[in-house]
Amino acid sequence: MKDIPINLEECFIALSKMSSKEDIEKFKNKSEDGVTAQLHHSVGMGLRNKWGLWGGSQLKTFFEELGLWHADDMSSVILTSYHRHLNKIDLNLDKQVEHYKSYWKKMGIARIGKKL
C-alpha cells in the first residue's frame, strides 16, 4: 500500500507532515491518557482506516510481529508513542504491547473471534 508507514519511526514522520505546528504543539501538551482517549474516534479512526490497520498493510504486519492484532490497540500505540516521541520520553514499546496483550488475555481472547 502506497504512502503507508511501515514502522513507528515512519508513523512519526507521517504524523508530523500531516499536522500543523500548532496541532503538534497541542498534541504534545495533552496528557498521555488524554491523547488516546480524546483522539481514538477521530485521529485514531483515520489512522486505522488510512493506514490499513484492519488489514493489508505492512504497518499492520509490523504490529502483528510485536504481538498486537487489534487495530484499535495499534492506533493507540501509535498515538501514545508519538506523544512520547514529541516529549522525548522513552516509548517503552514492550510495556505498551504487553498492556494490550494482557487485556485480551484477561478477556479470554487470543485473537478476534478466537477464545483462549
PDB file of N, CA and C in Angstrom:
ATOM      1  N   MET A   1       0.852  -1.172   0.000  1.00  0.00           N
ATOM      2  CA  MET A   1       0.000   0.000   0.000  1.00  0.00           C
ATOM      3  C   MET A   1       0.899   1.237   0.000  1.00  0.00           C
ATOM      4  N   LYS A   2       0.536   2.154  -0.804  1.00  0.00           N
ATOM      5  CA  LYS A   2       1.344   3.339  -1.036  1.00  0.00           C
ATOM      6  C   LYS A   2       1.180   4.368   0.087  1.00  0.00           C
ATOM      7  N   ASP A   3       2.279   4.999   0.450  1.00  0.00           N
ATOM      8  CA  ASP A   3       2.284   6.092   1.425  1.00  0.00           C
ATOM      9  C   ASP A   3       1.818   5.690   2.822  1.00  0.00           C
ATOM     10  N   ILE A   4       1.932   4.436   3.158  1.00  0.00           N
ATOM     11  CA  ILE A   4       1.585   3.986   4.493  1.00  0.00           C
ATOM     12  C   ILE A   4       2.886   3.659   5.219  1.00  0.00           C
ATOM     13  N   PRO A   5       3.071   4.223   6.410  1.00  0.00           N
ATOM     14  CA  PRO A   5       4.285   3.910   7.164  1.00  0.00           C
ATOM     15  C   PRO A   5       4.403   2.400   7.391  1.00  0.00           C
ATOM     16  N   ILE A   6       5.636   1.951   7.609  1.00  0.00           N
ATOM     17  CA  ILE A   6       5.835   0.518   7.860  1.00  0.00           C
ATOM     18  C   ILE A   6       6.332   0.246   9.286  1.00  0.00           C
ATOM     19  N   ASN A   7       6.602   1.312  10.049  1.00  0.00           N
ATOM     20  CA  ASN A   7       7.045   1.163  11.431  1.00  0.00           C
ATOM     21  C   ASN A   7       6.735   2.449  12.186  1.00  0.00           C
ATOM     22  N   LEU A   8       7.031   2.475  13.470  1.00  0.00           N
ATOM     23  CA  LEU A   8       6.700   3.648  14.280  1.00  0.00           C
ATOM     24  C   LEU A   8       7.464   4.896  13.848  1.00  0.00           C
ATOM     25  N   GLU A   9       8.723   4.740  13.519  1.00  0.00           N
ATOM     26  CA  GLU A   9       9.513   5.902  13.095  1.00  0.00           C
ATOM     27  C   GLU A   9       8.868   6.568  11.875  1.00  0.00           C
ATOM     28  N   GLU A  10       8.433   5.769  10.914  1.00  0.00           N
ATOM     29  CA  GLU A  10       7.757   6.325   9.742  1.00  0.00           C
ATOM     30  C   GLU A  10       6.400   6.924  10.110  1.00  0.00           C
ATOM     31  N   CYS A  11       5.734   6.362  11.118  1.00  0.00           N
ATOM     32  CA  CYS A  11       4.476   6.942  11.601  1.00  0.00           C
ATOM     33  C   CYS A  11       4.715   8.349  12.127  1.00  0.00           C
ATOM     34  N   PHE A  12       5.802   8.517  12.894  1.00  0.00           N
ATOM     35  CA  PHE A  12       6.109   9.828  13.459  1.00  0.00           C
ATOM     36  C   PHE A  12       6.342  10.853  12.352  1.00  0.00           C
ATOM     37  N   ILE A  13       7.065  10.453  11.332  1.00  0.00           N
ATOM     38  CA  ILE A  13       7.346  11.353  10.202  1.00  0.00           C
ATOM     39  C   ILE A  13       6.040  11.727   9.505  1.00  0.00           C
ATOM     40  N   ALA A  14       5.201  10.733   9.235  1.00  0.00           N
ATOM     41  CA  ALA A  14       3.936  10.980   8.538  1.00  0.00           C
ATOM     42  C   ALA A  14       3.015  11.870   9.370  1.00  0.00           C
ATOM     43  N   LEU A  15       2.910  11.596  10.662  1.00  0.00           N
ATOM     44  CA  LEU A  15       2.049  12.411  11.527  1.00  0.00           C
ATOM     45  C   LEU A  15       2.536  13.854  11.575  1.00  0.00           C
ATOM     46  N   SER A  16       3.841  14.055  11.617  1.00  0.00           N
ATOM     47  CA  SER A  16       4.392  15.415  11.633  1.00  0.00           C
ATOM     48  C   SER A  16       4.116  16.140  10.324  1.00  0.00           C
ATOM     49  N   LYS A  17       4.188  15.420   9.204  1.00  0.00           N
ATOM     50  CA  LYS A  17       3.927  16.028   7.900  1.00  0.00           C
ATOM     51  C   LYS A  17       2.458  16.399   7.727  1.00  0.00           C
ATOM     52  N   MET A  18       1.572  15.597   8.295  1.00  0.00           N
ATOM     53  CA  MET A  18       0.137  15.824   8.076  1.00  0.00           C
ATOM     54  C   MET A  18      -0.474  16.791   9.096  1.00  0.00           C
ATOM     55  N   SER A  19       0.329  17.282  10.030  1.00  0.00           N
ATOM     56  CA  SER A  19      -0.175  18.153  11.091  1.00  0.00           C
ATOM     57  C   SER A  19       0.494  19.517  11.045  1.00  0.00           C
ATOM     58  N   SER A  20      -0.252  20.531  11.438  1.00  0.00           N
ATOM     59  CA  SER A  20       0.337  21.864  11.542  1.00  0.00           C
ATOM     60  C   SER A  20       1.199  21.928  12.794  1.00  0.00           C
ATOM     61  N   LYS A  21       2.100  22.896  12.833  1.00  0.00           N
ATOM     62  CA  LYS A  21       2.946  23.060  14.019  1.00  0.00           C
ATOM     63  C   LYS A  21       2.086  23.322  15.250  1.00  0.00           C
ATOM     64  N   GLU A  22       1.009  24.067  15.066  1.00  0.00           N
ATOM     65  CA  GLU A  22       0.106  24.364  16.181  1.00  0.00           C
ATOM     66  C   GLU A  22      -0.563  23.086  16.696  1.00  0.00           C
ATOM     67  N   ASP A  23      -1.031  22.238  15.780  1.00  0.00           N
ATOM     68  CA  ASP A  23      -1.667  20.978  16.188  1.00  0.00           C
ATOM     69  C   ASP A  23      -0.679  20.043  16.877  1.00  0.00           C
ATOM     70  N   ILE A  24       0.546  20.014  16.377  1.00  0.00           N
ATOM     71  CA  ILE A  24       1.575  19.182  17.001  1.00  0.00           C
ATOM     72  C   ILE A  24       1.836  19.664  18.431  1.00  0.00           C
ATOM     73  N   GLU A  25       1.914  20.968  18.601  1.00  0.00           N
ATOM     74  CA  GLU A  25       2.165  21.525  19.938  1.00  0.00           C
ATOM     75  C   GLU A  25       1.006  21.204  20.889  1.00  0.00           C
ATOM     76  N   LYS A  26      -0.231  21.292  20.407  1.00  0.00           N
ATOM     77  CA  LYS A  26      -1.399  20.947  21.236  1.00  0.00           C
ATOM     78  C   LYS A  26      -1.354  19.472  21.620  1.00  0.00           C
ATOM     79  N   PHE A  27      -1.055  18.626  20.643  1.00  0.00           N
ATOM     80  CA  PHE A  27      -0.964  17.184  20.871  1.00  0.00           C
ATOM     81  C   PHE A  27       0.108  16.894  21.925  1.00  0.00           C
ATOM     82  N   LYS A  28       1.262  17.504  21.757  1.00  0.00           N
ATOM     83  CA  LYS A  28       2.392  17.310  22.665  1.00  0.00           C
ATOM     84  C   LYS A  28       2.031  17.696  24.096  1.00  0.00           C
ATOM     85  N   ASN A  29       1.242  18.747  24.245  1.00  0.00           N
ATOM     86  CA  ASN A  29       0.929  19.274  25.570  1.00  0.00           C
ATOM     87  C   ASN A  29      -0.283  18.624  26.230  1.00  0.00           C
ATOM     88  N   LYS A  30      -0.980  17.738  25.535  1.00  0.00           N
ATOM     89  CA  LYS A  30      -2.072  16.983  26.155  1.00  0.00           C
ATOM     90  C   LYS A  30      -1.473  15.958  27.106  1.00  0.00           C
ATOM     91  N   SER A  31      -2.293  15.481  28.031  1.00  0.00           N
ATOM     92  CA  SER A  31      -1.836  14.372  28.867  1.00  0.00           C
ATOM     93  C   SER A  31      -1.772  13.125  27.991  1.00  0.00           C
ATOM     94  N   GLU A  32      -0.935  12.193  28.363  1.00  0.00           N
ATOM     95  CA  GLU A  32      -0.806  10.964  27.576  1.00  0.00           C
ATOM     96  C   GLU A  32      -2.134  10.214  27.502  1.00  0.00           C
ATOM     97  N   ASP A  33      -2.823  10.084  28.628  1.00  0.00           N
ATOM     98  CA  ASP A  33      -4.128   9.413  28.620  1.00  0.00           C
ATOM     99  C   ASP A  33      -5.131  10.184  27.772  1.00  0.00           C
ATOM    100  N   GLY A  34      -5.046  11.498  27.808  1.00  0.00           N
ATOM    101  CA  GLY A  34      -5.946  12.327  27.009  1.00  0.00           C
ATOM    102  C   GLY A  34      -5.757  12.126  25.522  1.00  0.00           C
ATOM    103  N   VAL A  35      -4.533  11.894  25.120  1.00  0.00           N
ATOM    104  CA  VAL A  35      -4.228  11.687  23.702  1.00  0.00           C
ATOM    105  C   VAL A  35      -5.007  10.498  23.158  1.00  0.00           C
ATOM    106  N   THR A  36      -4.900   9.349  23.816  1.00  0.00           N
ATOM    107  CA  THR A  36      -5.562   8.158  23.287  1.00  0.00           C
ATOM    108  C   THR A  36      -7.066   8.221  23.473  1.00  0.00           C
ATOM    109  N   ALA A  37      -7.519   8.722  24.610  1.00  0.00           N
ATOM    110  CA  ALA A  37      -8.965   8.767  24.872  1.00  0.00           C
ATOM    111  C   ALA A  37      -9.671   9.777  23.971  1.00  0.00           C
ATOM    112  N   GLN A  38      -9.139  10.968  23.866  1.00  0.00           N
ATOM    113  CA  GLN A  38      -9.793  12.025  23.098  1.00  0.00           C
ATOM    114  C   GLN A  38      -9.687  11.828  21.593  1.00  0.00           C
ATOM    115  N   LEU A  39      -8.648  11.171  21.140  1.00  0.00           N
ATOM    116  CA  LEU A  39      -8.411  11.070  19.701  1.00  0.00           C
ATOM    117  C   LEU A  39      -8.735   9.694  19.110  1.00  0.00           C
ATOM    118  N   HIS A  40      -9.207   8.778  19.945  1.00  0.00           N
ATOM    119  CA  HIS A  40      -9.494   7.418  19.483  1.00  0.00           C
ATOM    120  C   HIS A  40     -10.492   7.405  18.316  1.00  0.00           C
ATOM    121  N   HIS A  41     -11.564   8.170  18.423  1.00  0.00           N
ATOM    122  CA  HIS A  41     -12.616   8.141  17.403  1.00  0.00           C
ATOM    123  C   HIS A  41     -12.405   9.145  16.277  1.00  0.00           C
ATOM    124  N   SER A  42     -11.359   9.936  16.338  1.00  0.00           N
ATOM    125  CA  SER A  42     -11.093  10.905  15.273  1.00  0.00           C
ATOM    126  C   SER A  42      -9.778  10.549  14.582  1.00  0.00           C
ATOM    127  N   VAL A  43      -8.689  11.021  15.120  1.00  0.00           N
ATOM    128  CA  VAL A  43      -7.384  10.742  14.523  1.00  0.00           C
ATOM    129  C   VAL A  43      -7.115   9.235  14.516  1.00  0.00           C
ATOM    130  N   GLY A  44      -7.416   8.571  15.622  1.00  0.00           N
ATOM    131  CA  GLY A  44      -7.191   7.129  15.702  1.00  0.00           C
ATOM    132  C   GLY A  44      -7.942   6.366  14.620  1.00  0.00           C
ATOM    133  N   MET A  45      -9.211   6.742  14.403  1.00  0.00           N
ATOM    134  CA  MET A  45     -10.002   6.075  13.369  1.00  0.00           C
ATOM    135  C   MET A  45      -9.401   6.333  11.986  1.00  0.00           C
ATOM    136  N   GLY A  46      -8.952   7.551  11.767  1.00  0.00           N
ATOM    137  CA  GLY A  46      -8.316   7.873  10.494  1.00  0.00           C
ATOM    138  C   GLY A  46      -7.078   7.023  10.257  1.00  0.00           C
ATOM    139  N   LEU A  47      -6.279   6.840  11.294  1.00  0.00           N
ATOM    140  CA  LEU A  47      -5.076   6.007  11.166  1.00  0.00           C
ATOM    141  C   LEU A  47      -5.452   4.563  10.874  1.00  0.00           C
ATOM    142  N   ARG A  48      -6.427   4.050  11.604  1.00  0.00           N
ATOM    143  CA  ARG A  48      -6.836   2.654  11.395  1.00  0.00           C
ATOM    144  C   ARG A  48      -7.301   2.432   9.954  1.00  0.00           C
ATOM    145  N   ASN A  49      -8.048   3.374   9.435  1.00  0.00           N
ATOM    146  CA  ASN A  49      -8.602   3.210   8.090  1.00  0.00           C
ATOM    147  C   ASN A  49      -7.600   3.543   6.988  1.00  0.00           C
ATOM    148  N   LYS A  50      -6.910   4.675   7.095  1.00  0.00           N
ATOM    149  CA  LYS A  50      -5.995   5.112   6.036  1.00  0.00           C
ATOM    150  C   LYS A  50      -4.716   4.295   5.991  1.00  0.00           C
ATOM    151  N   TRP A  51      -4.278   3.797   7.122  1.00  0.00           N
ATOM    152  CA  TRP A  51      -3.010   3.081   7.174  1.00  0.00           C
ATOM    153  C   TRP A  51      -3.176   1.566   7.182  1.00  0.00           C
ATOM    154  N   GLY A  52      -4.363   1.088   6.875  1.00  0.00           N
ATOM    155  CA  GLY A  52      -4.580  -0.346   6.702  1.00  0.00           C
ATOM    156  C   GLY A  52      -4.384  -1.182   7.949  1.00  0.00           C
ATOM    157  N   LEU A  53      -4.730  -0.623   9.107  1.00  0.00           N
ATOM    158  CA  LEU A  53      -4.538  -1.378  10.342  1.00  0.00           C
ATOM    159  C   LEU A  53      -5.568  -2.486  10.530  1.00  0.00           C
ATOM    160  N   TRP A  54      -6.650  -2.438   9.766  1.00  0.00           N
ATOM    161  CA  TRP A  54      -7.621  -3.542   9.808  1.00  0.00           C
ATOM    162  C   TRP A  54      -7.157  -4.688   8.910  1.00  0.00           C
ATOM    163  N   GLY A  55      -6.204  -4.429   8.041  1.00  0.00           N
ATOM    164  CA  GLY A  55      -5.666  -5.496   7.207  1.00  0.00           C
ATOM    165  C   GLY A  55      -5.020  -4.985   5.943  1.00  0.00           C
ATOM    166  N   GLY A  56      -4.015  -5.711   5.500  1.00  0.00           N
ATOM    167  CA  GLY A  56      -3.424  -5.450   4.198  1.00  0.00           C
ATOM    168  C   GLY A  56      -2.231  -4.524   4.154  1.00  0.00           C
ATOM    169  N   SER A  57      -1.762  -4.012   5.280  1.00  0.00           N
ATOM    170  CA  SER A  57      -0.609  -3.110   5.211  1.00  0.00           C
ATOM    171  C   SER A  57       0.599  -3.705   5.933  1.00  0.00           C
ATOM    172  N   GLN A  58       1.766  -3.216   5.535  1.00  0.00           N
ATOM    173  CA  GLN A  58       2.998  -3.639   6.209  1.00  0.00           C
ATOM    174  C   GLN A  58       3.010  -3.125   7.644  1.00  0.00           C
ATOM    175  N   LEU A  59       2.335  -2.003   7.889  1.00  0.00           N
ATOM    176  CA  LEU A  59       2.270  -1.471   9.247  1.00  0.00           C
ATOM    177  C   LEU A  59       1.504  -2.425  10.151  1.00  0.00           C
ATOM    178  N   LYS A  60       0.422  -2.978   9.649  1.00  0.00           N
ATOM    179  CA  LYS A  60      -0.313  -3.980  10.430  1.00  0.00           C
ATOM    180  C   LYS A  60       0.598  -5.175  10.727  1.00  0.00           C
ATOM    181  N   THR A  61       1.344  -5.609   9.732  1.00  0.00           N
ATOM    182  CA  THR A  61       2.276  -6.726   9.910  1.00  0.00           C
ATOM    183  C   THR A  61       3.332  -6.384  10.967  1.00  0.00           C
ATOM    184  N   PHE A  62       3.831  -5.145  10.949  1.00  0.00           N
ATOM    185  CA  PHE A  62       4.793  -4.688  11.955  1.00  0.00           C
ATOM    186  C   PHE A  62       4.226  -4.904  13.356  1.00  0.00           C
ATOM    187  N   PHE A  63       2.969  -4.491  13.558  1.00  0.00           N
ATOM    188  CA  PHE A  63       2.353  -4.631  14.878  1.00  0.00           C
ATOM    189  C   PHE A  63       2.038  -6.086  15.209  1.00  0.00           C
ATOM    190  N   GLU A  64       1.633  -6.863  14.227  1.00  0.00           N
ATOM    191  CA  GLU A  64       1.372  -8.283  14.469  1.00  0.00           C
ATOM    192  C   GLU A  64       2.649  -8.991  14.920  1.00  0.00           C
ATOM    193  N   GLU A  65       3.784  -8.612  14.348  1.00  0.00           N
ATOM    194  CA  GLU A  65       5.058  -9.215  14.746  1.00  0.00           C
ATOM    195  C   GLU A  65       5.436  -8.847  16.179  1.00  0.00           C
ATOM    196  N   LEU A  66       4.893  -7.734  16.676  1.00  0.00           N
ATOM    197  CA  LEU A  66       5.104  -7.352  18.072  1.00  0.00           C
ATOM    198  C   LEU A  66       4.146  -8.084  19.004  1.00  0.00           C
ATOM    199  N   GLY A  67       3.087  -8.674  18.420  1.00  0.00           N
ATOM    200  CA  GLY A  67       2.106  -9.399  19.220  1.00  0.00           C
ATOM    201  C   GLY A  67       0.752  -8.722  19.322  1.00  0.00           C
ATOM    202  N   LEU A  68       0.559  -7.616  18.599  1.00  0.00           N
ATOM    203  CA  LEU A  68      -0.743  -6.947  18.584  1.00  0.00           C
ATOM    204  C   LEU A  68      -1.516  -7.385  17.356  1.00  0.00           C
ATOM    205  N   TRP A  69      -2.812  -7.539  17.491  1.00  0.00           N
ATOM    206  CA  TRP A  69      -3.630  -7.970  16.357  1.00  0.00           C
ATOM    207  C   TRP A  69      -4.870  -7.110  16.171  1.00  0.00           C
ATOM    208  N   HIS A  70      -5.221  -6.285  17.147  1.00  0.00           N
ATOM    209  CA  HIS A  70      -6.427  -5.467  17.032  1.00  0.00           C
ATOM    210  C   HIS A  70      -6.047  -4.044  16.601  1.00  0.00           C
ATOM    211  N   ALA A  71      -6.716  -3.533  15.575  1.00  0.00           N
ATOM    212  CA  ALA A  71      -6.394  -2.220  15.009  1.00  0.00           C
ATOM    213  C   ALA A  71      -6.537  -1.098  16.038  1.00  0.00           C
ATOM    214  N   ASP A  72      -7.503  -1.202  16.944  1.00  0.00           N
ATOM    215  CA  ASP A  72      -7.653  -0.178  17.982  1.00  0.00           C
ATOM    216  C   ASP A  72      -6.405  -0.089  18.851  1.00  0.00           C
ATOM    217  N   ASP A  73      -5.852  -1.238  19.196  1.00  0.00           N
ATOM    218  CA  ASP A  73      -4.637  -1.266  20.006  1.00  0.00           C
ATOM    219  C   ASP A  73      -3.468  -0.660  19.234  1.00  0.00           C
ATOM    220  N   MET A  74      -3.390  -0.976  17.959  1.00  0.00           N
ATOM    221  CA  MET A  74      -2.306  -0.456  17.128  1.00  0.00           C
ATOM    222  C   MET A  74      -2.353   1.066  17.052  1.00  0.00           C
ATOM    223  N   SER A  75      -3.540   1.616  16.810  1.00  0.00           N
ATOM    224  CA  SER A  75      -3.645   3.076  16.711  1.00  0.00           C
ATOM    225  C   SER A  75      -3.353   3.731  18.058  1.00  0.00           C
ATOM    226  N   SER A  76      -3.732   3.087  19.146  1.00  0.00           N
ATOM    227  CA  SER A  76      -3.426   3.630  20.472  1.00  0.00           C
ATOM    228  C   SER A  76      -1.919   3.643  20.720  1.00  0.00           C
ATOM    229  N   VAL A  77      -1.234   2.596  20.310  1.00  0.00           N
ATOM    230  CA  VAL A  77       0.224   2.554  20.463  1.00  0.00           C
ATOM    231  C   VAL A  77       0.870   3.637  19.600  1.00  0.00           C
ATOM    232  N   ILE A  78       0.354   3.850  18.403  1.00  0.00           N
ATOM    233  CA  ILE A  78       0.899   4.914  17.542  1.00  0.00           C
ATOM    234  C   ILE A  78       0.738   6.270  18.214  1.00  0.00           C
ATOM    235  N   LEU A  79      -0.465   6.570  18.705  1.00  0.00           N
ATOM    236  CA  LEU A  79      -0.717   7.864  19.333  1.00  0.00           C
ATOM    237  C   LEU A  79       0.113   8.049  20.605  1.00  0.00           C
ATOM    238  N   THR A  80       0.143   7.027  21.448  1.00  0.00           N
ATOM    239  CA  THR A  80       0.925   7.104  22.684  1.00  0.00           C
ATOM    240  C   THR A  80       2.406   7.276  22.370  1.00  0.00           C
ATOM    241  N   SER A  81       2.898   6.503  21.418  1.00  0.00           N
ATOM    242  CA  SER A  81       4.316   6.560  21.064  1.00  0.00           C
ATOM    243  C   SER A  81       4.684   7.903  20.447  1.00  0.00           C
ATOM    244  N   TYR A  82       3.806   8.448  19.616  1.00  0.00           N
ATOM    245  CA  TYR A  82       4.078   9.756  19.011  1.00  0.00           C
ATOM    246  C   TYR A  82       4.116  10.826  20.103  1.00  0.00           C
ATOM    247  N   HIS A  83       3.197  10.750  21.044  1.00  0.00           N
ATOM    248  CA  HIS A  83       3.173  11.692  22.159  1.00  0.00           C
ATOM    249  C   HIS A  83       4.484  11.598  22.947  1.00  0.00           C
ATOM    250  N   ARG A  84       4.927  10.392  23.238  1.00  0.00           N
ATOM    251  CA  ARG A  84       6.182  10.202  23.968  1.00  0.00           C
ATOM    252  C   ARG A  84       7.373  10.684  23.149  1.00  0.00           C
ATOM    253  N   HIS A  85       7.343  10.405  21.858  1.00  0.00           N
ATOM    254  CA  HIS A  85       8.405  10.851  20.950  1.00  0.00           C
ATOM    255  C   HIS A  85       8.523  12.381  20.998  1.00  0.00           C
ATOM    256  N   LEU A  86       7.410  13.065  20.888  1.00  0.00           N
ATOM    257  CA  LEU A  86       7.419  14.531  20.905  1.00  0.00           C
ATOM    258  C   LEU A  86       7.916  15.080  22.232  1.00  0.00           C
ATOM    259  N   ASN A  87       7.619  14.369  23.301  1.00  0.00           N
ATOM    260  CA  ASN A  87       8.019  14.808  24.633  1.00  0.00           C
ATOM    261  C   ASN A  87       9.361  14.229  25.079  1.00  0.00           C
ATOM    262  N   LYS A  88      10.024  13.541  24.143  1.00  0.00           N
ATOM    263  CA  LYS A  88      11.347  12.957  24.405  1.00  0.00           C
ATOM    264  C   LYS A  88      11.327  12.025  25.621  1.00  0.00           C
ATOM    265  N   ILE A  89      10.299  11.184  25.661  1.00  0.00           N
ATOM    266  CA  ILE A  89      10.130  10.181  26.715  1.00  0.00           C
ATOM    267  C   ILE A  89      10.336   8.812  26.078  1.00  0.00           C
ATOM    268  N   ASP A  90      10.941   7.900  26.812  1.00  0.00           N
ATOM    269  CA  ASP A  90      11.136   6.533  26.317  1.00  0.00           C
ATOM    270  C   ASP A  90       9.785   5.955  25.887  1.00  0.00           C
ATOM    271  N   LEU A  91       9.730   5.370  24.711  1.00  0.00           N
ATOM    272  CA  LEU A  91       8.477   4.806  24.189  1.00  0.00           C
ATOM    273  C   LEU A  91       7.985   3.633  25.030  1.00  0.00           C
ATOM    274  N   ASN A  92       8.891   2.893  25.650  1.00  0.00           N
ATOM    275  CA  ASN A  92       8.525   1.691  26.396  1.00  0.00           C
ATOM    276  C   ASN A  92       7.553   0.828  25.573  1.00  0.00           C
ATOM    277  N   LEU A  93       7.931   0.586  24.345  1.00  0.00           N
ATOM    278  CA  LEU A  93       7.069  -0.154  23.428  1.00  0.00           C
ATOM    279  C   LEU A  93       6.699  -1.529  23.960  1.00  0.00           C
ATOM    280  N   ASP A  94       7.654  -2.221  24.558  1.00  0.00           N
ATOM    281  CA  ASP A  94       7.371  -3.555  25.107  1.00  0.00           C
ATOM    282  C   ASP A  94       6.252  -3.497  26.147  1.00  0.00           C
ATOM    283  N   LYS A  95       6.295  -2.496  27.014  1.00  0.00           N
ATOM    284  CA  LYS A  95       5.258  -2.361  28.043  1.00  0.00           C
ATOM    285  C   LYS A  95       3.914  -1.998  27.436  1.00  0.00           C
ATOM    286  N   GLN A  96       3.925  -1.157  26.410  1.00  0.00           N
ATOM    287  CA  GLN A  96       2.664  -0.813  25.741  1.00  0.00           C
ATOM    288  C   GLN A  96       2.029  -2.067  25.138  1.00  0.00           C
ATOM    289  N   VAL A  97       2.835  -2.844  24.442  1.00  0.00           N
ATOM    290  CA  VAL A  97       2.340  -4.069  23.809  1.00  0.00           C
ATOM    291  C   VAL A  97       1.825  -5.032  24.872  1.00  0.00           C
ATOM    292  N   GLU A  98       2.586  -5.190  25.932  1.00  0.00           N
ATOM    293  CA  GLU A  98       2.180  -6.116  26.997  1.00  0.00           C
ATOM    294  C   GLU A  98       0.853  -5.692  27.630  1.00  0.00           C
ATOM    295  N   HIS A  99       0.628  -4.399  27.745  1.00  0.00           N
ATOM    296  CA  HIS A  99      -0.627  -3.882  28.292  1.00  0.00           C
ATOM    297  C   HIS A  99      -1.823  -4.413  27.494  1.00  0.00           C
ATOM    298  N   TYR A 100      -1.752  -4.340  26.174  1.00  0.00           N
ATOM    299  CA  TYR A 100      -2.870  -4.790  25.333  1.00  0.00           C
ATOM    300  C   TYR A 100      -2.973  -6.312  25.295  1.00  0.00           C
ATOM    301  N   LYS A 101      -1.845  -6.984  25.252  1.00  0.00           N
ATOM    302  CA  LYS A 101      -1.874  -8.447  25.273  1.00  0.00           C
ATOM    303  C   LYS A 101      -2.491  -8.950  26.576  1.00  0.00           C
ATOM    304  N   SER A 102      -2.136  -8.305  27.669  1.00  0.00           N
ATOM    305  CA  SER A 102      -2.676  -8.670  28.976  1.00  0.00           C
ATOM    306  C   SER A 102      -4.186  -8.438  29.038  1.00  0.00           C
ATOM    307  N   TYR A 103      -4.634  -7.329  28.456  1.00  0.00           N
ATOM    308  CA  TYR A 103      -6.068  -7.026  28.427  1.00  0.00           C
ATOM    309  C   TYR A 103      -6.836  -8.147  27.729  1.00  0.00           C
ATOM    310  N   TRP A 104      -6.376  -8.540  26.547  1.00  0.00           N
ATOM    311  CA  TRP A 104      -7.093  -9.570  25.787  1.00  0.00           C
ATOM    312  C   TRP A 104      -7.007 -10.928  26.475  1.00  0.00           C
ATOM    313  N   LYS A 105      -5.892 -11.184  27.128  1.00  0.00           N
ATOM    314  CA  LYS A 105      -5.757 -12.445  27.858  1.00  0.00           C
ATOM    315  C   LYS A 105      -6.781 -12.504  28.992  1.00  0.00           C
ATOM    316  N   LYS A 106      -6.949 -11.393  29.729  1.00  0.00           N
ATOM    317  CA  LYS A 106      -7.945 -11.334  30.800  1.00  0.00           C
ATOM    318  C   LYS A 106      -9.351 -11.545  30.263  1.00  0.00           C
ATOM    319  N   MET A 107      -9.579 -11.104  29.037  1.00  0.00           N
ATOM    320  CA  MET A 107     -10.892 -11.262  28.398  1.00  0.00           C
ATOM    321  C   MET A 107     -11.074 -12.681  27.857  1.00  0.00           C
ATOM    322  N   GLY A 108      -9.989 -13.470  27.869  1.00  0.00           N
ATOM    323  CA  GLY A 108     -10.052 -14.837  27.373  1.00  0.00           C
ATOM    324  C   GLY A 108     -10.055 -14.928  25.860  1.00  0.00           C
ATOM    325  N   ILE A 109      -9.501 -13.903  25.219  1.00  0.00           N
ATOM    326  CA  ILE A 109      -9.493 -13.865  23.755  1.00  0.00           C
ATOM    327  C   ILE A 109      -8.042 -13.787  23.278  1.00  0.00           C
ATOM    328  N   ALA A 110      -7.667 -14.714  22.423  1.00  0.00           N
ATOM    329  CA  ALA A 110      -6.311 -14.728  21.888  1.00  0.00           C
ATOM    330  C   ALA A 110      -6.206 -13.843  20.644  1.00  0.00           C
ATOM    331  N   ARG A 111      -7.248 -13.832  19.825  1.00  0.00           N
ATOM    332  CA  ARG A 111      -7.333 -13.001  18.617  1.00  0.00           C
ATOM    333  C   ARG A 111      -8.814 -12.776  18.357  1.00  0.00           C
ATOM    334  N   ILE A 112      -9.108 -11.873  17.462  1.00  0.00           N
ATOM    335  CA  ILE A 112     -10.513 -11.614  17.146  1.00  0.00           C
ATOM    336  C   ILE A 112     -11.198 -12.936  16.790  1.00  0.00           C
ATOM    337  N   GLY A 113     -12.258 -13.209  17.515  1.00  0.00           N
ATOM    338  CA  GLY A 113     -13.043 -14.413  17.246  1.00  0.00           C
ATOM    339  C   GLY A 113     -12.435 -15.711  17.737  1.00  0.00           C
ATOM    340  N   LYS A 114     -11.313 -15.646  18.408  1.00  0.00           N
ATOM    341  CA  LYS A 114     -10.645 -16.866  18.877  1.00  0.00           C
ATOM    342  C   LYS A 114     -10.476 -16.813  20.389  1.00  0.00           C
ATOM    343  N   LYS A 115     -11.152 -17.682  21.089  1.00  0.00           N
ATOM    344  CA  LYS A 115     -11.038 -17.760  22.550  1.00  0.00           C
ATOM    345  C   LYS A 115      -9.780 -18.520  22.922  1.00  0.00           C
ATOM    346  N   LEU A 116      -9.266 -18.212  24.099  1.00  0.00           N
ATOM    347  CA  LEU A 116      -8.070 -18.940  24.584  1.00  0.00           C
ATOM    348  C   LEU A 116      -8.457 -20.358  24.981  1.00  0.00           C
TER     349      LEU A 116
END
